Amino acid sequence: MAKTVLFHEHGGPEVLRVEDVAVGEPGPGEVRIRVDAVGVNRAEVLFRSGHYIEPVRRFPGRLGTEAAGVVEAVGEGVEGFAPGQAVSTVPAFSQNDHAVYAERAIVPAAALLHRPDGVGAVEGAAVWMPYLTAYGALVEVGGMRPGDTVVLNAASSSVGLAAIHVAERVGATAIALTRTAAKRDALLKEGAAEVVVTGEEDVVARVRAATGGRGAEFVLDAVAGPGVTDLARTAAPGGTHLIVGGLSGEPTPYPGLDLGMPALSMRTYTVLETTTDPERLRRAAAFVASGVRSGAFRPVVDRVFDLADAAEAHRYLESNAQVGKVVLTVRHPELT
């Protein structure tokens, strides 16, 4: 039996329960891991509350796609992984099928990456999703080049911070948007070239000034909703507006007509485009691992909670007070 976070109905963090669940043995193409740390993401908050792009197929529901741990057993046909190896899972599966908010979990081998040397469990649960998202959207799909500029909202999120680091490594410039000045210094410290406080400043004017009047080649938008029209005004002619999240929870219009049909590309992106494509994942993992080894990439962990306190972790994430990643850790008394 393994302690596992479940929810028997949609609702707020209070619906989360820790219960003992049988784990079993991995099937063909699967691996069982001892989970040591779990990355907490907005996807789990939305799944729990019933607002995710994929509905819960059955209750009790389970949570989590991003974790770090150690391989305990491998199923038939699995190659490249063996018991005792330190690994991380990446979001490459449905929470209806597999989940990692647990002491032990069975996951597809295709969703596993070897953990780089020197990367601990907490960092291993915090590094992959943000950087795979930022790299996949900006470099793999967008084709970001040196000298480009990206404007990004939700800049203090783990994906936002990773996007700042990715832009810096590519030789591009990141302009971070934040609702209040409270996070300005933290964003500058993480490498943002400019920080614009949206509640106090003219975003378009600041971006135009910072780019010599041309605008940004990329907009990385984790909020979407009605604000896309104003945000799209920051884009340069021929720029790309990438929607990587829907934090607003509101319908998202196409801004082209309201802006007079500018030369603007707009598309959605999720990390699944990278994690479910073996060749893209191979390139992305190499890029991220290289950045980790060089010190250019570093998972920014804001706060760590125990697995038993998953509800509190969700409350904290929903408060938007964090700068970086929220992580759950899993204690294994038998190892102490």
C-alpha atoms as a PDB file:
ATOM      1  CA  MET A   1       0.000   0.000   0.000  1.00  0.00           C
ATOM      2  CA  ALA A   2       1.139   3.553  -0.701  1.00  0.00           C
ATOM      3  CA  LYS A   3      -0.174   6.817   0.686  1.00  0.00           C
ATOM      4  CA  THR A   4      -1.811   8.588  -2.244  1.00  0.00           C
ATOM      5  CA  VAL A   5      -3.590  11.923  -2.634  1.00  0.00           C
ATOM      6  CA  LEU A   6      -7.154  11.411  -3.900  1.00  0.00           C
ATOM      7  CA  PHE A   7     -10.253  13.539  -4.393  1.00  0.00           C
ATOM      8  CA  HIS A   8     -13.775  12.097  -4.445  1.00  0.00           C
ATOM      9  CA  GLU A   9     -15.482  15.197  -5.850  1.00  0.00           C
ATOM     10  CA  HIS A  10     -14.594  18.466  -7.543  1.00  0.00           C
ATOM     11  CA  GLY A  11     -13.948  21.429  -5.304  1.00  0.00           C
ATOM     12  CA  GLY A  12     -11.339  23.480  -3.513  1.00  0.00           C
ATOM     13  CA  PRO A  13      -8.164  22.188  -1.857  1.00  0.00           C
ATOM     14  CA  GLU A  14     -10.251  20.831   1.011  1.00  0.00           C
ATOM     15  CA  VAL A  15     -11.441  17.905  -1.168  1.00  0.00           C
ATOM     16  CA  LEU A  16      -7.945  16.402  -1.204  1.00  0.00           C
ATOM     17  CA  ARG A  17      -7.467  13.331   0.972  1.00  0.00           C
ATOM     18  CA  VAL A  18      -4.447  11.108   1.670  1.00  0.00           C
ATOM     19  CA  GLU A  19      -5.421   7.450   1.577  1.00  0.00           C
ATOM     20  CA  ASP A  20      -3.694   4.080   1.355  1.00  0.00           C
ATOM     21  CA  VAL A  21      -3.870   2.643  -2.164  1.00  0.00           C
ATOM     22  CA  ALA A  22      -2.507  -0.604  -3.594  1.00  0.00           C
ATOM     23  CA  VAL A  23       0.177   0.056  -6.212  1.00  0.00           C
ATOM     24  CA  GLY A  24       0.822  -3.300  -7.850  1.00  0.00           C
ATOM     25  CA  GLU A  25       3.390  -4.154 -10.492  1.00  0.00           C
ATOM     26  CA  PRO A  26       4.161  -2.215 -13.669  1.00  0.00           C
ATOM     27  CA  GLY A  27       2.645  -3.489 -16.869  1.00  0.00           C
ATOM     28  CA  PRO A  28       4.221  -3.583 -20.337  1.00  0.00           C
ATOM     29  CA  GLY A  29       5.964  -0.301 -21.064  1.00  0.00           C
ATOM     30  CA  GLU A  30       5.542   0.893 -17.480  1.00  0.00           C
ATOM     31  CA  VAL A  31       7.851   1.572 -14.553  1.00  0.00           C
ATOM     32  CA  ARG A  32       7.157   1.710 -10.826  1.00  0.00           C
ATOM     33  CA  ILE A  33       9.009   4.443  -8.997  1.00  0.00           C
ATOM     34  CA  ARG A  34       9.478   5.378  -5.382  1.00  0.00           C
ATOM     35  CA  VAL A  35       8.376   9.006  -5.401  1.00  0.00           C
ATOM     36  CA  ASP A  36      10.622  11.362  -3.439  1.00  0.00           C
ATOM     37  CA  ALA A  37       9.300  14.749  -4.609  1.00  0.00           C
ATOM     38  CA  VAL A  38       6.424  16.065  -6.727  1.00  0.00           C
ATOM     39  CA  GLY A  39       6.166  19.264  -8.730  1.00  0.00           C
ATOM     40  CA  VAL A  40       2.840  21.039  -8.148  1.00  0.00           C
ATOM     41  CA  ASN A  41       1.310  22.600 -11.268  1.00  0.00           C
ATOM     42  CA  ARG A  42      -1.750  24.605 -12.254  1.00  0.00           C
ATOM     43  CA  ALA A  43      -2.959  21.617 -14.247  1.00  0.00           C
ATOM     44  CA  GLU A  44      -3.615  19.749 -10.994  1.00  0.00           C
ATOM     45  CA  VAL A  45      -5.516  22.673  -9.502  1.00  0.00           C
ATOM     46  CA  LEU A  46      -7.718  22.828 -12.593  1.00  0.00           C
ATOM     47  CA  PHE A  47      -8.176  19.039 -12.705  1.00  0.00           C
ATOM     48  CA  ARG A  48      -9.174  18.968  -9.035  1.00  0.00           C
ATOM     49  CA  SER A  49     -11.650  21.821  -9.448  1.00  0.00           C
ATOM     50  CA  GLY A  50     -13.218  20.481 -12.649  1.00  0.00           C
ATOM     51  CA  HIS A  51     -11.933  23.213 -14.964  1.00  0.00           C
ATOM     52  CA  TYR A  52      -9.165  21.362 -16.788  1.00  0.00           C
ATOM     53  CA  ILE A  53      -9.207  20.839 -20.545  1.00  0.00           C
ATOM     54  CA  GLU A  54      -9.655  17.118 -19.830  1.00  0.00           C
ATOM     55  CA  PRO A  55     -12.474  16.053 -17.491  1.00  0.00           C
ATOM     56  CA  VAL A  56     -12.092  13.567 -14.656  1.00  0.00           C
ATOM     57  CA  ARG A  57     -13.336  10.265 -16.055  1.00  0.00           C
ATOM     58  CA  ARG A  58     -13.976   8.614 -12.693  1.00  0.00           C
ATOM     59  CA  PHE A  59     -13.733   9.238  -8.969  1.00  0.00           C
ATOM     60  CA  PRO A  60     -11.725   9.068  -6.888  1.00  0.00           C
ATOM     61  CA  GLY A  61      -9.463  11.243  -8.971  1.00  0.00           C
ATOM     62  CA  ARG A  62      -5.699  11.287  -8.689  1.00  0.00           C
ATOM     63  CA  LEU A  63      -3.206  14.051  -9.368  1.00  0.00           C
ATOM     64  CA  GLY A  64       0.230  14.802 -10.686  1.00  0.00           C
ATOM     65  CA  THR A  65       2.464  14.252 -13.690  1.00  0.00           C
ATOM     66  CA  GLU A  66       5.810  15.688 -12.558  1.00  0.00           C
ATOM     67  CA  ALA A  67       7.929  13.897  -9.976  1.00  0.00           C
ATOM     68  CA  ALA A  68      11.399  12.728  -9.063  1.00  0.00           C
ATOM     69  CA  GLY A  69      12.303   9.433  -7.491  1.00  0.00           C
ATOM     70  CA  VAL A  70      14.008   6.106  -7.938  1.00  0.00           C
ATOM     71  CA  VAL A  71      13.082   3.186 -10.187  1.00  0.00           C
ATOM     72  CA  GLU A  72      11.849   0.172  -8.199  1.00  0.00           C
ATOM     73  CA  ALA A  73      10.590  -2.146 -10.952  1.00  0.00           C
ATOM     74  CA  VAL A  74      10.251  -2.179 -14.733  1.00  0.00           C
ATOM     75  CA  GLY A  75       7.601  -3.804 -16.857  1.00  0.00           C
ATOM     76  CA  GLU A  76       7.920  -5.958 -19.941  1.00  0.00           C
ATOM     77  CA  GLY A  77       9.586  -4.289 -22.898  1.00  0.00           C
ATOM     78  CA  VAL A  78      11.108  -1.399 -20.951  1.00  0.00           C
ATOM     79  CA  GLU A  79      14.654  -0.556 -22.018  1.00  0.00           C
ATOM     80  CA  GLY A  80      17.070   2.021 -20.680  1.00  0.00           C
ATOM     81  CA  PHE A  81      15.822   1.996 -17.096  1.00  0.00           C
ATOM     82  CA  ALA A  82      16.698  -0.305 -14.207  1.00  0.00           C
ATOM     83  CA  PRO A  83      15.934  -0.524 -10.487  1.00  0.00           C
ATOM     84  CA  GLY A  84      17.950   1.919  -8.413  1.00  0.00           C
ATOM     85  CA  GLN A  85      18.253   4.635 -11.076  1.00  0.00           C
ATOM     86  CA  ALA A  86      17.346   8.229 -10.194  1.00  0.00           C
ATOM     87  CA  VAL A  87      14.703   9.560 -12.579  1.00  0.00           C
ATOM     88  CA  SER A  88      12.163  12.291 -13.148  1.00  0.00           C
ATOM     89  CA  THR A  89       8.753  12.039 -14.762  1.00  0.00           C
ATOM     90  CA  VAL A  90       7.590  14.611 -17.280  1.00  0.00           C
ATOM     91  CA  PRO A  91       3.978  15.516 -18.126  1.00  0.00           C
ATOM     92  CA  ALA A  92       3.344  13.021 -20.907  1.00  0.00           C
ATOM     93  CA  PHE A  93       0.218  11.219 -19.717  1.00  0.00           C
ATOM     94  CA  SER A  94      -3.310  11.843 -18.520  1.00  0.00           C
ATOM     95  CA  GLN A  95      -4.000  12.145 -14.798  1.00  0.00           C
ATOM     96  CA  ASN A  96      -6.922   9.824 -15.496  1.00  0.00           C
ATOM     97  CA  ASP A  97      -4.431   7.065 -16.316  1.00  0.00           C
ATOM     98  CA  HIS A  98      -1.428   7.701 -14.070  1.00  0.00           C
ATOM     99  CA  ALA A  99      -0.614  10.061 -11.197  1.00  0.00           C
ATOM    100  CA  VAL A 100       2.349  10.836  -8.954  1.00  0.00           C
ATOM    101  CA  TYR A 101       0.956  12.511  -5.808  1.00  0.00           C
ATOM    102  CA  ALA A 102       1.862   9.322  -3.940  1.00  0.00           C
ATOM    103  CA  GLU A 103       4.591   7.423  -2.121  1.00  0.00           C
ATOM    104  CA  ARG A 104       4.887   5.109  -5.108  1.00  0.00           C
ATOM    105  CA  ALA A 105       3.544   5.403  -8.632  1.00  0.00           C
ATOM    106  CA  ILE A 106       3.387   3.468 -11.873  1.00  0.00           C
ATOM    107  CA  VAL A 107       4.124   5.624 -14.903  1.00  0.00           C
ATOM    108  CA  PRO A 108       4.846   5.055 -18.602  1.00  0.00           C
ATOM    109  CA  ALA A 109       8.540   4.545 -19.289  1.00  0.00           C
ATOM    110  CA  ALA A 110       8.145   7.039 -22.152  1.00  0.00           C
ATOM    111  CA  ALA A 111       7.506   9.745 -19.530  1.00  0.00           C
ATOM    112  CA  LEU A 112      10.779   9.117 -17.687  1.00  0.00           C
ATOM    113  CA  LEU A 113      14.064  10.988 -17.962  1.00  0.00           C
ATOM    114  CA  HIS A 114      17.294  10.117 -16.220  1.00  0.00           C
ATOM    115  CA  ARG A 115      18.056  12.684 -13.551  1.00  0.00           C
ATOM    116  CA  PRO A 116      21.294  14.573 -14.230  1.00  0.00           C
ATOM    117  CA  ASP A 117      24.145  13.991 -11.782  1.00  0.00           C
ATOM    118  CA  GLY A 118      24.010  16.340  -8.835  1.00  0.00           C
ATOM    119  CA  VAL A 119      20.303  17.100  -9.227  1.00  0.00           C
ATOM    120  CA  GLY A 120      18.403  16.189  -6.064  1.00  0.00           C
ATOM    121  CA  ALA A 121      14.821  15.040  -5.809  1.00  0.00           C
ATOM    122  CA  VAL A 122      13.314  18.479  -5.144  1.00  0.00           C
ATOM    123  CA  GLU A 123      15.162  20.027  -8.067  1.00  0.00           C
ATOM    124  CA  GLY A 124      14.411  16.992 -10.215  1.00  0.00           C
ATOM    125  CA  ALA A 125      10.694  17.483  -9.598  1.00  0.00           C
ATOM    126  CA  ALA A 126      10.902  21.201 -10.387  1.00  0.00           C
ATOM    127  CA  VAL A 127      13.119  21.513 -13.434  1.00  0.00           C
ATOM    128  CA  TRP A 128      11.605  19.631 -16.361  1.00  0.00           C
ATOM    129  CA  MET A 129       8.065  20.913 -16.909  1.00  0.00           C
ATOM    130  CA  PRO A 130       8.969  24.646 -16.795  1.00  0.00           C
ATOM    131  CA  TYR A 131      11.995  24.359 -19.043  1.00  0.00           C
ATOM    132  CA  LEU A 132      10.419  21.891 -21.466  1.00  0.00           C
ATOM    133  CA  THR A 133       7.474  24.277 -21.812  1.00  0.00           C
ATOM    134  CA  ALA A 134       9.616  27.379 -22.300  1.00  0.00           C
ATOM    135  CA  TYR A 135      12.041  25.680 -24.686  1.00  0.00           C
ATOM    136  CA  GLY A 136       9.304  23.925 -26.640  1.00  0.00           C
ATOM    137  CA  ALA A 137       7.235  27.049 -27.159  1.00  0.00           C
ATOM    138  CA  LEU A 138       9.965  29.589 -27.798  1.00  0.00           C
ATOM    139  CA  VAL A 139      12.743  27.591 -29.460  1.00  0.00           C
ATOM    140  CA  GLU A 140      11.287  24.377 -30.886  1.00  0.00           C
ATOM    141  CA  VAL A 141       8.020  25.864 -32.143  1.00  0.00           C
ATOM    142  CA  GLY A 142       8.764  29.590 -32.238  1.00  0.00           C
ATOM    143  CA  GLY A 143      12.334  29.464 -33.532  1.00  0.00           C
ATOM    144  CA  MET A 144      13.632  32.124 -31.152  1.00  0.00           C
ATOM    145  CA  ARG A 145      16.996  33.549 -32.205  1.00  0.00           C
ATOM    146  CA  PRO A 146      19.647  35.808 -30.675  1.00  0.00           C
ATOM    147  CA  GLY A 147      18.472  39.406 -30.638  1.00  0.00           C
ATOM    148  CA  ASP A 148      14.785  38.516 -30.377  1.00  0.00           C
ATOM    149  CA  THR A 149      12.572  39.803 -27.580  1.00  0.00           C
ATOM    150  CA  VAL A 150       9.856  37.950 -25.677  1.00  0.00           C
ATOM    151  CA  VAL A 151       7.150  39.593 -23.558  1.00  0.00           C
ATOM    152  CA  LEU A 152       5.754  37.247 -20.930  1.00  0.00           C
ATOM    153  CA  ASN A 153       3.033  37.456 -18.329  1.00  0.00           C
ATOM    154  CA  ALA A 154       2.734  35.290 -15.204  1.00  0.00           C
ATOM    155  CA  ALA A 155       6.464  35.922 -15.156  1.00  0.00           C
ATOM    156  CA  SER A 156       6.976  34.781 -11.562  1.00  0.00           C
ATOM    157  CA  SER A 157       5.569  31.321 -12.285  1.00  0.00           C
ATOM    158  CA  SER A 158       7.983  28.438 -12.817  1.00  0.00           C
ATOM    159  CA  VAL A 159       7.353  28.571 -16.574  1.00  0.00           C
ATOM    160  CA  GLY A 160       7.797  32.337 -16.621  1.00  0.00           C
ATOM    161  CA  LEU A 161      11.144  32.135 -14.841  1.00  0.00           C
ATOM    162  CA  ALA A 162      12.276  29.297 -17.106  1.00  0.00           C
ATOM    163  CA  ALA A 163      11.336  31.399 -20.141  1.00  0.00           C
ATOM    164  CA  ILE A 164      13.524  34.234 -18.835  1.00  0.00           C
ATOM    165  CA  HIS A 165      16.448  31.823 -18.432  1.00  0.00           C
ATOM    166  CA  VAL A 166      15.883  30.208 -21.859  1.00  0.00           C
ATOM    167  CA  ALA A 167      15.748  33.601 -23.565  1.00  0.00           C
ATOM    168  CA  GLU A 168      18.967  34.642 -21.862  1.00  0.00           C
ATOM    169  CA  ARG A 169      20.769  31.456 -22.927  1.00  0.00           C
ATOM    170  CA  VAL A 170      19.621  31.828 -26.539  1.00  0.00           C
ATOM    171  CA  GLY A 171      20.792  35.441 -26.594  1.00  0.00           C
ATOM    172  CA  ALA A 172      17.298  36.924 -26.584  1.00  0.00           C
ATOM    173  CA  THR A 173      15.756  39.523 -24.268  1.00  0.00           C
ATOM    174  CA  ALA A 174      12.912  38.878 -21.819  1.00  0.00           C
ATOM    175  CA  ILE A 175      10.472  41.588 -20.759  1.00  0.00           C
ATOM    176  CA  ALA A 176       8.517  40.375 -17.727  1.00  0.00           C
ATOM    177  CA  LEU A 177       5.018  41.568 -16.866  1.00  0.00           C
ATOM    178  CA  THR A 178       3.806  41.543 -13.268  1.00  0.00           C
ATOM    179  CA  ARG A 179       0.621  42.891 -11.719  1.00  0.00           C
ATOM    180  CA  THR A 180       2.295  44.645  -8.789  1.00  0.00           C
ATOM    181  CA  ALA A 181       5.774  45.894  -7.982  1.00  0.00           C
ATOM    182  CA  ALA A 182       6.222  43.320  -5.196  1.00  0.00           C
ATOM    183  CA  LYS A 183       7.989  40.850  -7.510  1.00  0.00           C
ATOM    184  CA  ARG A 184       9.996  43.341  -9.574  1.00  0.00           C
ATOM    185  CA  ASP A 185      13.330  42.778  -7.827  1.00  0.00           C
ATOM    186  CA  ALA A 186      12.973  38.981  -7.918  1.00  0.00           C
ATOM    187  CA  LEU A 187      12.304  39.048 -11.669  1.00  0.00           C
ATOM    188  CA  LEU A 188      15.264  41.323 -12.356  1.00  0.00           C
ATOM    189  CA  LYS A 189      17.444  39.019 -10.269  1.00  0.00           C
ATOM    190  CA  GLU A 190      16.342  36.066 -12.388  1.00  0.00           C
ATOM    191  CA  GLY A 191      17.469  37.811 -15.576  1.00  0.00           C
ATOM    192  CA  ALA A 192      14.540  39.829 -16.923  1.00  0.00           C
ATOM    193  CA  ALA A 193      15.899  42.775 -18.917  1.00  0.00           C
ATOM    194  CA  GLU A 194      12.821  44.848 -18.101  1.00  0.00           C
ATOM    195  CA  VAL A 195       9.967  44.422 -15.633  1.00  0.00           C
ATOM    196  CA  VAL A 196       6.691  46.174 -16.388  1.00  0.00           C
ATOM    197  CA  VAL A 197       4.105  46.582 -13.616  1.00  0.00           C
ATOM    198  CA  THR A 198       0.859  46.202 -15.540  1.00  0.00           C
ATOM    199  CA  GLY A 199      -1.256  47.925 -12.892  1.00  0.00           C
ATOM    200  CA  GLU A 200       0.875  51.044 -12.983  1.00  0.00           C
ATOM    201  CA  GLU A 201       2.551  51.361 -16.383  1.00  0.00           C
ATOM    202  CA  ASP A 202       1.685  51.529 -20.079  1.00  0.00           C
ATOM    203  CA  VAL A 203       2.767  48.074 -21.210  1.00  0.00           C
ATOM    204  CA  VAL A 204       2.811  48.799 -24.937  1.00  0.00           C
ATOM    205  CA  ALA A 205       4.790  52.019 -24.494  1.00  0.00           C
ATOM    206  CA  ARG A 206       7.357  50.304 -22.279  1.00  0.00           C
ATOM    207  CA  VAL A 207       7.816  47.412 -24.713  1.00  0.00           C
ATOM    208  CA  ARG A 208       8.134  49.751 -27.698  1.00  0.00           C
ATOM    209  CA  ALA A 209      10.712  51.827 -25.847  1.00  0.00           C
ATOM    210  CA  ALA A 210      12.701  48.752 -24.849  1.00  0.00           C
ATOM    211  CA  THR A 211      12.753  47.385 -28.413  1.00  0.00           C
ATOM    212  CA  GLY A 212      13.569  50.574 -30.288  1.00  0.00           C
ATOM    213  CA  GLY A 213       9.977  50.871 -31.429  1.00  0.00           C
ATOM    214  CA  ARG A 214       9.694  47.529 -33.224  1.00  0.00           C
ATOM    215  CA  GLY A 215       7.871  45.466 -30.574  1.00  0.00           C
ATOM    216  CA  ALA A 216       8.541  41.909 -29.446  1.00  0.00           C
ATOM    217  CA  GLU A 217       9.068  38.957 -31.741  1.00  0.00           C
ATOM    218  CA  PHE A 218       7.315  36.722 -29.206  1.00  0.00           C
ATOM    219  CA  VAL A 219       4.550  37.023 -26.655  1.00  0.00           C
ATOM    220  CA  LEU A 220       4.374  34.155 -24.160  1.00  0.00           C
ATOM    221  CA  ASP A 221       0.889  34.315 -22.681  1.00  0.00           C
ATOM    222  CA  ALA A 222      -0.100  32.121 -19.734  1.00  0.00           C
ATOM    223  CA  VAL A 223      -3.225  34.129 -18.916  1.00  0.00           C
ATOM    224  CA  ALA A 224      -5.195  34.430 -22.190  1.00  0.00           C
ATOM    225  CA  GLY A 225      -8.781  35.746 -21.964  1.00  0.00           C
ATOM    226  CA  PRO A 226      -9.833  39.249 -23.087  1.00  0.00           C
ATOM    227  CA  GLY A 227      -6.376  40.636 -22.298  1.00  0.00           C
ATOM    228  CA  VAL A 228      -4.891  39.015 -25.410  1.00  0.00           C
ATOM    229  CA  THR A 229      -5.883  42.037 -27.483  1.00  0.00           C
ATOM    230  CA  ASP A 230      -3.870  44.508 -25.439  1.00  0.00           C
ATOM    231  CA  LEU A 231      -1.002  42.049 -25.067  1.00  0.00           C
ATOM    232  CA  ALA A 232      -0.886  41.441 -28.826  1.00  0.00           C
ATOM    233  CA  ARG A 233      -0.249  45.167 -29.307  1.00  0.00           C
ATOM    234  CA  THR A 234       3.254  44.581 -27.952  1.00  0.00           C
ATOM    235  CA  ALA A 235       4.145  42.219 -30.809  1.00  0.00           C
ATOM    236  CA  ALA A 236       6.380  43.263 -33.680  1.00  0.00           C
ATOM    237  CA  PRO A 237       5.128  42.902 -37.269  1.00  0.00           C
ATOM    238  CA  GLY A 238       5.347  39.206 -38.064  1.00  0.00           C
ATOM    239  CA  GLY A 239       5.511  38.361 -34.361  1.00  0.00           C
ATOM    240  CA  THR A 240       4.129  35.244 -32.696  1.00  0.00           C
ATOM    241  CA  HIS A 241       1.671  35.205 -29.798  1.00  0.00           C
ATOM    242  CA  LEU A 242       1.974  31.862 -27.984  1.00  0.00           C
ATOM    243  CA  ILE A 243      -0.788  30.953 -25.530  1.00  0.00           C
ATOM    244  CA  VAL A 244       0.577  28.452 -23.012  1.00  0.00           C
ATOM    245  CA  GLY A 245      -2.124  28.716 -20.332  1.00  0.00           C
ATOM    246  CA  GLY A 246      -5.557  30.055 -19.505  1.00  0.00           C
ATOM    247  CA  LEU A 247      -5.235  31.496 -16.017  1.00  0.00           C
ATOM    248  CA  SER A 248      -7.926  34.080 -16.713  1.00  0.00           C
ATOM    249  CA  GLY A 249     -10.546  31.355 -17.086  1.00  0.00           C
ATOM    250  CA  GLU A 250     -12.348  33.545 -19.632  1.00  0.00           C
ATOM    251  CA  PRO A 251     -13.017  33.194 -23.374  1.00  0.00           C
ATOM    252  CA  THR A 252     -10.092  34.229 -25.531  1.00  0.00           C
ATOM    253  CA  PRO A 253     -10.812  36.249 -28.692  1.00  0.00           C
ATOM    254  CA  TYR A 254      -8.585  36.383 -31.740  1.00  0.00           C
ATOM    255  CA  PRO A 255      -7.231  39.937 -31.591  1.00  0.00           C
ATOM    256  CA  GLY A 256      -6.394  40.367 -35.273  1.00  0.00           C
ATOM    257  CA  LEU A 257      -9.634  42.034 -36.332  1.00  0.00           C
ATOM    258  CA  ASP A 258      -9.663  44.530 -33.464  1.00  0.00           C
ATOM    259  CA  LEU A 259      -6.049  45.438 -34.194  1.00  0.00           C
ATOM    260  CA  GLY A 260      -6.615  46.015 -37.909  1.00  0.00           C
ATOM    261  CA  MET A 261      -5.351  42.674 -39.237  1.00  0.00           C
ATOM    262  CA  PRO A 262      -1.660  42.984 -38.339  1.00  0.00           C
ATOM    263  CA  ALA A 263       0.938  40.412 -39.435  1.00  0.00           C
ATOM    264  CA  LEU A 264       0.528  38.374 -36.270  1.00  0.00           C
ATOM    265  CA  SER A 265       0.676  34.623 -35.750  1.00  0.00           C
ATOM    266  CA  MET A 266      -1.252  33.243 -32.802  1.00  0.00           C
ATOM    267  CA  ARG A 267      -1.227  29.660 -31.595  1.00  0.00           C
ATOM    268  CA  THR A 268      -1.597  27.530 -28.494  1.00  0.00           C
ATOM    269  CA  TYR A 269       1.156  25.366 -27.071  1.00  0.00           C
ATOM    270  CA  THR A 270       1.234  22.764 -24.305  1.00  0.00           C
ATOM    271  CA  VAL A 271       4.206  20.793 -23.047  1.00  0.00           C
ATOM    272  CA  LEU A 272       2.567  17.631 -24.403  1.00  0.00           C
ATOM    273  CA  GLU A 273       3.672  18.718 -27.895  1.00  0.00           C
ATOM    274  CA  THR A 274       7.214  18.081 -26.702  1.00  0.00           C
ATOM    275  CA  THR A 275       6.848  15.282 -24.154  1.00  0.00           C
ATOM    276  CA  THR A 276       4.761  12.972 -26.361  1.00  0.00           C
ATOM    277  CA  ASP A 277       7.054  13.343 -29.386  1.00  0.00           C
ATOM    278  CA  PRO A 278      10.191  11.210 -28.778  1.00  0.00           C
ATOM    279  CA  GLU A 279      12.435  13.219 -31.083  1.00  0.00           C
ATOM    280  CA  ARG A 280      11.315  16.586 -29.733  1.00  0.00           C
ATOM    281  CA  LEU A 281      11.693  15.298 -26.183  1.00  0.00           C
ATOM    282  CA  ARG A 282      15.207  14.053 -26.955  1.00  0.00           C
ATOM    283  CA  ARG A 283      16.258  17.493 -28.231  1.00  0.00           C
ATOM    284  CA  ALA A 284      14.517  19.341 -25.408  1.00  0.00           C
ATOM    285  CA  ALA A 285      15.986  17.115 -22.701  1.00  0.00           C
ATOM    286  CA  ALA A 286      19.469  17.629 -24.147  1.00  0.00           C
ATOM    287  CA  PHE A 287      18.970  21.408 -24.177  1.00  0.00           C
ATOM    288  CA  VAL A 288      17.689  21.520 -20.603  1.00  0.00           C
ATOM    289  CA  ALA A 289      20.278  19.109 -19.216  1.00  0.00           C
ATOM    290  CA  SER A 290      23.031  21.147 -20.863  1.00  0.00           C
ATOM    291  CA  GLY A 291      21.686  24.300 -19.247  1.00  0.00           C
ATOM    292  CA  VAL A 292      21.519  22.617 -15.849  1.00  0.00           C
ATOM    293  CA  ARG A 293      25.096  21.380 -16.130  1.00  0.00           C
ATOM    294  CA  SER A 294      26.384  24.823 -17.102  1.00  0.00           C
ATOM    295  CA  GLY A 295      24.431  26.570 -14.344  1.00  0.00           C
ATOM    296  CA  ALA A 296      22.408  28.615 -16.840  1.00  0.00           C
ATOM    297  CA  PHE A 297      19.244  26.789 -15.813  1.00  0.00           C
ATOM    298  CA  ARG A 298      18.227  26.379 -12.206  1.00  0.00           C
ATOM    299  CA  PRO A 299      14.859  25.323 -10.882  1.00  0.00           C
ATOM    300  CA  VAL A 300      13.532  28.111  -8.676  1.00  0.00           C
ATOM    301  CA  VAL A 301      11.733  26.468  -5.762  1.00  0.00           C
ATOM    302  CA  ASP A 302       9.605  28.871  -3.729  1.00  0.00           C
ATOM    303  CA  ARG A 303       8.270  26.529  -1.059  1.00  0.00           C
ATOM    304  CA  VAL A 304       8.257  22.853  -0.124  1.00  0.00           C
ATOM    305  CA  PHE A 305       5.342  21.006   1.521  1.00  0.00           C
ATOM    306  CA  ASP A 306       4.962  17.449   2.755  1.00  0.00           C
ATOM    307  CA  LEU A 307       2.783  15.128   0.674  1.00  0.00           C
ATOM    308  CA  ALA A 308       0.313  15.033   3.574  1.00  0.00           C
ATOM    309  CA  ASP A 309      -0.085  18.800   3.188  1.00  0.00           C
ATOM    310  CA  ALA A 310      -1.050  18.715  -0.500  1.00  0.00           C
ATOM    311  CA  ALA A 311      -4.178  20.761   0.227  1.00  0.00           C
ATOM    312  CA  GLU A 312      -2.067  23.532   1.771  1.00  0.00           C
ATOM    313  CA  ALA A 313       0.266  23.413  -1.218  1.00  0.00           C
ATOM    314  CA  HIS A 314      -2.703  23.930  -3.545  1.00  0.00           C
ATOM    315  CA  ARG A 315      -3.955  26.849  -1.442  1.00  0.00           C
ATOM    316  CA  TYR A 316      -0.543  28.444  -1.594  1.00  0.00           C
ATOM    317  CA  LEU A 317      -0.273  27.993  -5.359  1.00  0.00           C
ATOM    318  CA  GLU A 318      -3.708  29.532  -5.845  1.00  0.00           C
ATOM    319  CA  SER A 319      -2.699  32.547  -3.741  1.00  0.00           C
ATOM    320  CA  ASN A 320      -0.239  33.565  -6.493  1.00  0.00           C
ATOM    321  CA  ALA A 321       2.221  34.615  -3.807  1.00  0.00           C
ATOM    322  CA  GLN A 322       4.983  32.312  -5.013  1.00  0.00           C
ATOM    323  CA  VAL A 323       8.003  33.095  -7.148  1.00  0.00           C
ATOM    324  CA  GLY A 324       8.851  29.824  -8.832  1.00  0.00           C
ATOM    325  CA  LYS A 325       7.865  26.258  -8.075  1.00  0.00           C
ATOM    326  CA  VAL A 326       5.865  24.661  -5.283  1.00  0.00           C
ATOM    327  CA  VAL A 327       7.050  21.131  -4.476  1.00  0.00           C
ATOM    328  CA  LEU A 328       5.761  18.262  -2.360  1.00  0.00           C
ATOM    329  CA  THR A 329       8.249  15.972  -0.646  1.00  0.00           C
ATOM    330  CA  VAL A 330       7.583  12.371   0.320  1.00  0.00           C
ATOM    331  CA  ARG A 331       9.016  10.828   3.450  1.00  0.00           C
ATOM    332  CA  HIS A 332       9.935   7.148   3.445  1.00  0.00           C
ATOM    333  CA  PRO A 333      10.482   6.061   7.071  1.00  0.00           C
ATOM    334  CA  GLU A 334      11.864   2.703   5.952  1.00  0.00           C
ATOM    335  CA  LEU A 335      14.849   4.517   4.396  1.00  0.00           C
ATOM    336  CA  THR A 336      15.852   6.401   7.543  1.00  0.00           C
END
